[in-house]
Amino acid sequence: MAEAHTKPHHDYHLVDPSPWPIVGAVSAFIAAVGAITWMHSMFTVAPLVLAVGFIGILYTMVGWWRDVTREAQYDGYHTPVVQISHRYGMILFIASEVMFFVAWFWAYFNTALFPADPHEIARLAATGGVWPPKGIETFDPWHLPLLNTLILLTSGTTVTWAHHALLENDREGLKWGLICTIALGALFTCVQAYEYSHAAFGFSGNIYGATFFMATGFHGFHVLIGTCFLAVCLFRALAGHFTPTQHLGFEFAAWYWHFVDVVWLFLFACIYVYGAGAASAGGH
């Protein structure tokens, strides 16, 4: 049994049986049931069900990250060959996330570019033949949206600073670069929550609100995930886990954060700026 946990004499990593996929899947299912039943006011215990599922998800995150950290840091399983496979996996994951957002952009522009499509009678009735639909007051893109754009662009700079500091073995630069990035990510979330609370339109009842909140809201969710990812990297950096030649976890967090930045630039340009321009053109 002792030999089962020793490093094998090859460059490939055969993953040990793990409970986290099934625990995470069950927890996500419980959270989804709790959220759906709560939104539909089906059961009085729905918030409790959601909380149980959410706690299970957090437990899965902690346990899974702990095991991967042990594999990389202490067991030596992340050999150069394994790292190549991990990089391919992360690239494919980010590519799948890109296609996820393509769906929201498609939904937005399919209606925004053709609000008076004669073949879509229901759309014509819902939009009034103009985009944004009649009665929708859009956000000023040069106010809070611009502020959030500057916040995210700055956070992209600070995470790059942290990365270069790590490559130079500058532990202080790595620490403060991560702290600044995490703080900026949290600030972005706060500004977006404030913006949502002052929206002149809701999620339901109109096409604009549905596409707007789905696209920007899922991006906000990705910002939260990226902030958690970077927080884990900060804890690992403080524990001295990363080296200039072995920092795959931090590298993936930086990739993910830059992906979040780029998606926001498209959201800002397409939904905020173009949407406001379309509203101005329709008003005149």
Protein backbone atom coordinates (compact mmCIF):
# COMPACT_ATOMS: atom_id res chain seq x y z
CA MET A 1 0.00 0.00 0.00
CA ALA A 2 2.86 2.36 0.77
CA GLU A 3 4.15 2.05 -2.79
CA ALA A 4 0.77 3.12 -4.19
CA HIS A 5 1.39 6.71 -3.08
CA THR A 6 5.00 7.01 -4.20
CA LYS A 7 5.93 8.89 -7.34
CA PRO A 8 5.86 6.50 -10.35
CA HIS A 9 8.90 5.99 -12.57
CA HIS A 10 7.34 7.73 -15.58
CA ASP A 11 6.27 11.25 -16.55
CA TYR A 12 2.51 10.62 -16.52
CA HIS A 13 0.14 11.08 -13.63
CA LEU A 14 -2.48 8.41 -12.99
CA VAL A 15 -5.00 10.24 -10.81
CA ASP A 16 -6.08 8.46 -7.62
CA PRO A 17 -9.82 7.84 -7.10
CA SER A 18 -11.40 11.09 -5.97
CA PRO A 19 -14.77 11.83 -4.32
CA TRP A 20 -14.89 15.42 -5.55
CA PRO A 21 -16.57 14.98 -8.97
CA ILE A 22 -19.58 13.19 -7.49
CA VAL A 23 -19.69 15.39 -4.38
CA GLY A 24 -19.53 18.52 -6.55
CA ALA A 25 -22.20 17.25 -8.94
CA VAL A 26 -24.61 16.33 -6.12
CA SER A 27 -23.98 19.66 -4.39
CA ALA A 28 -24.61 21.60 -7.62
CA PHE A 29 -27.84 19.66 -8.17
CA ILE A 30 -29.04 20.39 -4.63
CA ALA A 31 -28.17 24.08 -5.05
CA ALA A 32 -30.04 24.22 -8.38
CA VAL A 33 -33.13 22.58 -6.86
CA GLY A 34 -33.01 24.99 -3.94
CA ALA A 35 -32.62 28.03 -6.19
CA ILE A 36 -35.42 26.99 -8.58
CA THR A 37 -37.90 26.12 -5.83
CA TRP A 38 -37.05 29.34 -3.98
CA MET A 39 -37.61 31.50 -7.07
CA HIS A 40 -40.96 29.79 -7.65
CA SER A 41 -41.91 29.90 -3.92
CA MET A 42 -42.61 26.17 -3.96
CA PHE A 43 -41.26 25.19 -0.52
CA THR A 44 -40.55 27.16 2.64
CA VAL A 45 -37.30 25.21 3.13
CA ALA A 46 -36.02 26.11 -0.36
CA PRO A 47 -33.47 28.68 0.99
CA LEU A 48 -32.13 26.00 3.34
CA VAL A 49 -31.77 23.55 0.45
CA LEU A 50 -29.91 26.20 -1.55
CA ALA A 51 -27.61 26.87 1.43
CA VAL A 52 -26.83 23.15 1.82
CA GLY A 53 -25.96 22.88 -1.87
CA PHE A 54 -23.82 26.02 -1.74
CA ILE A 55 -21.92 24.75 1.30
CA GLY A 56 -21.32 21.47 -0.54
CA ILE A 57 -19.93 23.38 -3.52
CA LEU A 58 -17.57 25.36 -1.27
CA TYR A 59 -16.47 22.15 0.45
CA THR A 60 -15.76 20.58 -2.95
CA MET A 61 -13.72 23.59 -4.02
CA VAL A 62 -11.61 23.51 -0.87
CA GLY A 63 -11.07 19.75 -0.97
CA TRP A 64 -10.33 19.55 -4.68
CA TRP A 65 -7.92 22.50 -4.63
CA ARG A 66 -6.19 20.96 -1.59
CA ASP A 67 -5.68 17.64 -3.40
CA VAL A 68 -4.39 19.26 -6.60
CA THR A 69 -2.03 21.44 -4.55
CA ARG A 70 -0.69 18.37 -2.78
CA GLU A 71 -0.19 16.57 -6.10
CA ALA A 72 1.74 19.51 -7.52
CA GLN A 73 3.63 20.78 -4.49
CA TYR A 74 4.46 17.74 -2.42
CA ASP A 75 3.98 14.60 -4.51
CA GLY A 76 5.78 15.89 -7.61
CA TYR A 77 3.15 14.60 -10.04
CA HIS A 78 3.06 17.72 -12.22
CA THR A 79 5.98 16.80 -14.45
CA PRO A 80 6.66 18.77 -17.66
CA VAL A 81 4.63 16.24 -19.65
CA VAL A 82 1.69 16.51 -17.26
CA GLN A 83 1.91 20.31 -17.36
CA ILE A 84 1.53 20.25 -21.15
CA SER A 85 -1.66 18.22 -20.79
CA HIS A 86 -2.95 20.62 -18.14
CA ARG A 87 -2.24 23.59 -20.40
CA TYR A 88 -4.18 21.97 -23.25
CA GLY A 89 -7.03 21.33 -20.84
CA MET A 90 -7.10 24.94 -19.64
CA ILE A 91 -6.99 26.24 -23.21
CA LEU A 92 -9.94 24.03 -24.16
CA PHE A 93 -11.83 25.13 -21.03
CA ILE A 94 -11.35 28.81 -21.86
CA ALA A 95 -12.37 28.09 -25.46
CA SER A 96 -15.59 26.51 -24.19
CA GLU A 97 -16.20 29.60 -22.05
CA VAL A 98 -15.69 31.79 -25.12
CA MET A 99 -18.42 29.86 -26.93
CA PHE A 100 -20.63 30.23 -23.84
CA PHE A 101 -20.45 34.01 -24.19
CA VAL A 102 -20.84 33.79 -27.97
CA ALA A 103 -24.33 32.42 -27.27
CA TRP A 104 -25.26 35.51 -25.24
CA PHE A 105 -23.83 37.88 -27.83
CA TRP A 106 -25.72 35.99 -30.51
CA ALA A 107 -28.98 36.31 -28.56
CA TYR A 108 -28.35 40.04 -28.11
CA PHE A 109 -27.42 40.91 -31.70
CA ASN A 110 -30.00 38.59 -33.25
CA THR A 111 -32.62 40.91 -31.79
CA ALA A 112 -30.67 44.19 -31.74
CA LEU A 113 -29.83 44.08 -35.45
CA PHE A 114 -33.26 42.91 -36.58
CA PRO A 115 -35.82 44.33 -34.11
CA ALA A 116 -38.42 44.76 -36.87
CA ASP A 117 -37.95 41.41 -38.60
CA PRO A 118 -41.33 40.81 -40.33
CA HIS A 119 -40.87 37.06 -39.94
CA GLU A 120 -40.71 37.40 -36.15
CA ILE A 121 -44.14 38.72 -35.22
CA ALA A 122 -43.68 38.21 -31.49
CA ARG A 123 -40.34 40.06 -31.59
CA LEU A 124 -41.89 42.97 -33.45
CA ALA A 125 -44.62 43.20 -30.84
CA ALA A 126 -42.09 43.02 -27.99
CA THR A 127 -39.61 45.58 -29.33
CA GLY A 128 -41.90 47.94 -31.19
CA GLY A 129 -39.58 47.60 -34.17
CA VAL A 130 -36.72 49.51 -32.52
CA TRP A 131 -33.70 48.64 -30.37
CA PRO A 132 -33.55 49.13 -27.45
CA PRO A 133 -37.30 48.44 -27.15
CA LYS A 134 -39.61 51.34 -26.49
CA GLY A 135 -39.69 52.33 -22.85
CA ILE A 136 -36.19 51.00 -22.06
CA GLU A 137 -33.81 53.53 -20.50
CA THR A 138 -30.28 52.23 -21.04
CA PHE A 139 -27.24 52.88 -18.87
CA ASP A 140 -24.88 55.73 -19.70
CA PRO A 141 -21.78 53.79 -20.90
CA TRP A 142 -19.45 56.61 -19.86
CA HIS A 143 -20.43 56.46 -16.20
CA LEU A 144 -20.33 53.24 -14.11
CA PRO A 145 -19.65 50.94 -17.10
CA LEU A 146 -16.57 52.98 -18.01
CA LEU A 147 -15.44 52.93 -14.37
CA ASN A 148 -15.73 49.15 -14.29
CA THR A 149 -13.82 48.92 -17.57
CA LEU A 150 -10.96 50.92 -16.08
CA ILE A 151 -11.05 48.76 -12.94
CA LEU A 152 -10.76 45.53 -14.93
CA LEU A 153 -8.06 46.87 -17.23
CA THR A 154 -6.07 47.95 -14.17
CA SER A 155 -6.55 44.51 -12.61
CA GLY A 156 -5.14 42.95 -15.78
CA THR A 157 -2.06 45.12 -15.27
CA THR A 158 -1.65 44.13 -11.62
CA VAL A 159 -1.97 40.39 -12.29
CA THR A 160 0.69 40.76 -15.01
CA TRP A 161 2.86 42.59 -12.47
CA ALA A 162 2.40 39.67 -10.06
CA HIS A 163 3.31 37.18 -12.80
CA HIS A 164 6.50 38.99 -13.77
CA ALA A 165 7.41 39.41 -10.10
CA LEU A 166 7.10 35.65 -9.66
CA LEU A 167 9.30 35.02 -12.69
CA GLU A 168 11.93 37.27 -11.07
CA ASN A 169 11.42 35.49 -7.72
CA ASP A 170 10.17 38.75 -6.19
CA ARG A 171 7.87 37.39 -3.47
CA GLU A 172 6.76 40.83 -2.28
CA GLY A 173 5.83 41.91 -5.79
CA LEU A 174 3.90 38.67 -6.27
CA LYS A 175 2.01 39.15 -3.00
CA TRP A 176 1.05 42.77 -3.57
CA GLY A 177 0.22 42.23 -7.22
CA LEU A 178 -2.23 39.51 -6.21
CA ILE A 179 -3.68 41.59 -3.38
CA CYS A 180 -4.30 44.52 -5.73
CA THR A 181 -5.89 42.27 -8.36
CA ILE A 182 -8.21 40.63 -5.81
CA ALA A 183 -9.19 44.04 -4.41
CA LEU A 184 -9.94 45.38 -7.89
CA GLY A 185 -12.00 42.27 -8.70
CA ALA A 186 -14.04 42.77 -5.53
CA LEU A 187 -14.46 46.46 -6.36
CA PHE A 188 -15.74 45.57 -9.84
CA THR A 189 -18.35 43.27 -8.28
CA CYS A 190 -19.48 45.99 -5.88
CA VAL A 191 -19.81 48.57 -8.65
CA GLN A 192 -21.77 46.13 -10.80
CA ALA A 193 -24.11 45.31 -7.91
CA TYR A 194 -24.68 49.04 -7.37
CA GLU A 195 -25.35 49.47 -11.10
CA TYR A 196 -27.85 46.61 -11.10
CA SER A 197 -29.69 48.11 -8.14
CA HIS A 198 -30.25 51.31 -10.15
CA ALA A 199 -31.29 49.66 -13.42
CA ALA A 200 -34.39 51.22 -15.00
CA PHE A 201 -35.44 47.83 -16.39
CA GLY A 202 -35.84 44.33 -15.01
CA PHE A 203 -34.74 40.88 -16.07
CA SER A 204 -38.20 39.61 -16.99
CA GLY A 205 -40.82 41.13 -19.22
CA ASN A 206 -38.56 42.41 -22.01
CA ILE A 207 -35.94 41.08 -24.40
CA TYR A 208 -33.43 43.80 -23.60
CA GLY A 209 -33.39 43.12 -19.87
CA ALA A 210 -33.08 39.37 -20.37
CA THR A 211 -30.13 39.60 -22.76
CA PHE A 212 -28.45 42.39 -20.78
CA PHE A 213 -28.56 40.66 -17.41
CA MET A 214 -27.68 37.23 -18.78
CA ALA A 215 -24.59 38.51 -20.58
CA THR A 216 -23.30 40.95 -17.96
CA GLY A 217 -24.49 38.84 -15.02
CA PHE A 218 -22.70 35.70 -16.16
CA HIS A 219 -19.60 37.79 -16.71
CA GLY A 220 -19.95 39.08 -13.15
CA PHE A 221 -20.18 35.45 -11.99
CA HIS A 222 -16.95 34.70 -13.85
CA VAL A 223 -15.33 37.67 -12.10
CA LEU A 224 -16.32 36.13 -8.75
CA ILE A 225 -14.85 32.76 -9.79
CA GLY A 226 -11.66 34.45 -10.98
CA THR A 227 -11.39 36.39 -7.72
CA CYS A 228 -11.65 33.13 -5.75
CA PHE A 229 -9.04 31.57 -8.06
CA LEU A 230 -6.63 34.44 -7.38
CA ALA A 231 -7.36 34.33 -3.64
CA VAL A 232 -6.29 30.66 -3.60
CA CYS A 233 -3.13 31.68 -5.46
CA LEU A 234 -2.48 34.38 -2.85
CA PHE A 235 -2.76 31.87 0.01
CA ARG A 236 -0.43 29.51 -1.83
CA ALA A 237 2.03 32.35 -2.55
CA LEU A 238 2.08 33.29 1.14
CA ALA A 239 2.81 29.64 1.91
CA GLY A 240 5.76 29.76 -0.50
CA HIS A 241 4.30 27.27 -2.98
CA PHE A 242 5.19 28.94 -6.27
CA THR A 243 8.64 29.11 -7.86
CA PRO A 244 9.78 30.89 -11.05
CA THR A 245 9.75 27.53 -12.87
CA GLN A 246 6.80 25.79 -11.15
CA HIS A 247 3.63 27.90 -10.90
CA LEU A 248 1.04 26.26 -13.11
CA GLY A 249 -1.89 27.14 -10.82
CA PHE A 250 -1.02 30.83 -10.84
CA GLU A 251 -0.46 30.81 -14.59
CA PHE A 252 -3.95 29.40 -15.16
CA ALA A 253 -5.47 31.98 -12.82
CA ALA A 254 -3.77 34.74 -14.83
CA TRP A 255 -5.04 33.26 -18.11
CA TYR A 256 -8.56 33.10 -16.74
CA TRP A 257 -8.39 36.68 -15.48
CA HIS A 258 -7.21 38.01 -18.83
CA PHE A 259 -10.06 36.10 -20.49
CA VAL A 260 -12.51 37.83 -18.13
CA ASP A 261 -10.95 41.20 -19.05
CA VAL A 262 -11.28 40.62 -22.79
CA VAL A 263 -14.90 39.46 -22.52
CA TRP A 264 -15.77 42.61 -20.59
CA LEU A 265 -14.27 44.80 -23.32
CA PHE A 266 -16.62 43.17 -25.83
CA LEU A 267 -19.56 43.55 -23.44
CA PHE A 268 -18.75 47.21 -22.86
CA ALA A 269 -18.40 47.95 -26.57
CA CYS A 270 -21.38 45.93 -27.78
CA ILE A 271 -23.99 46.17 -25.06
CA TYR A 272 -23.22 49.45 -23.31
CA VAL A 273 -21.74 51.66 -26.06
CA TYR A 274 -23.57 50.21 -29.08
CA GLY A 275 -26.80 49.89 -27.08
CA ALA A 276 -26.65 53.50 -25.96
CA GLY A 277 -25.83 54.61 -29.51
CA ALA A 278 -28.80 52.69 -30.87
CA ALA A 279 -31.00 54.30 -28.24
CA SER A 280 -29.78 57.78 -29.24
CA ALA A 281 -30.31 57.05 -32.91
CA GLY A 282 -33.83 55.79 -32.21
CA GLY A 283 -34.60 58.84 -30.14
CA HIS A 284 -33.72 61.15 -33.01
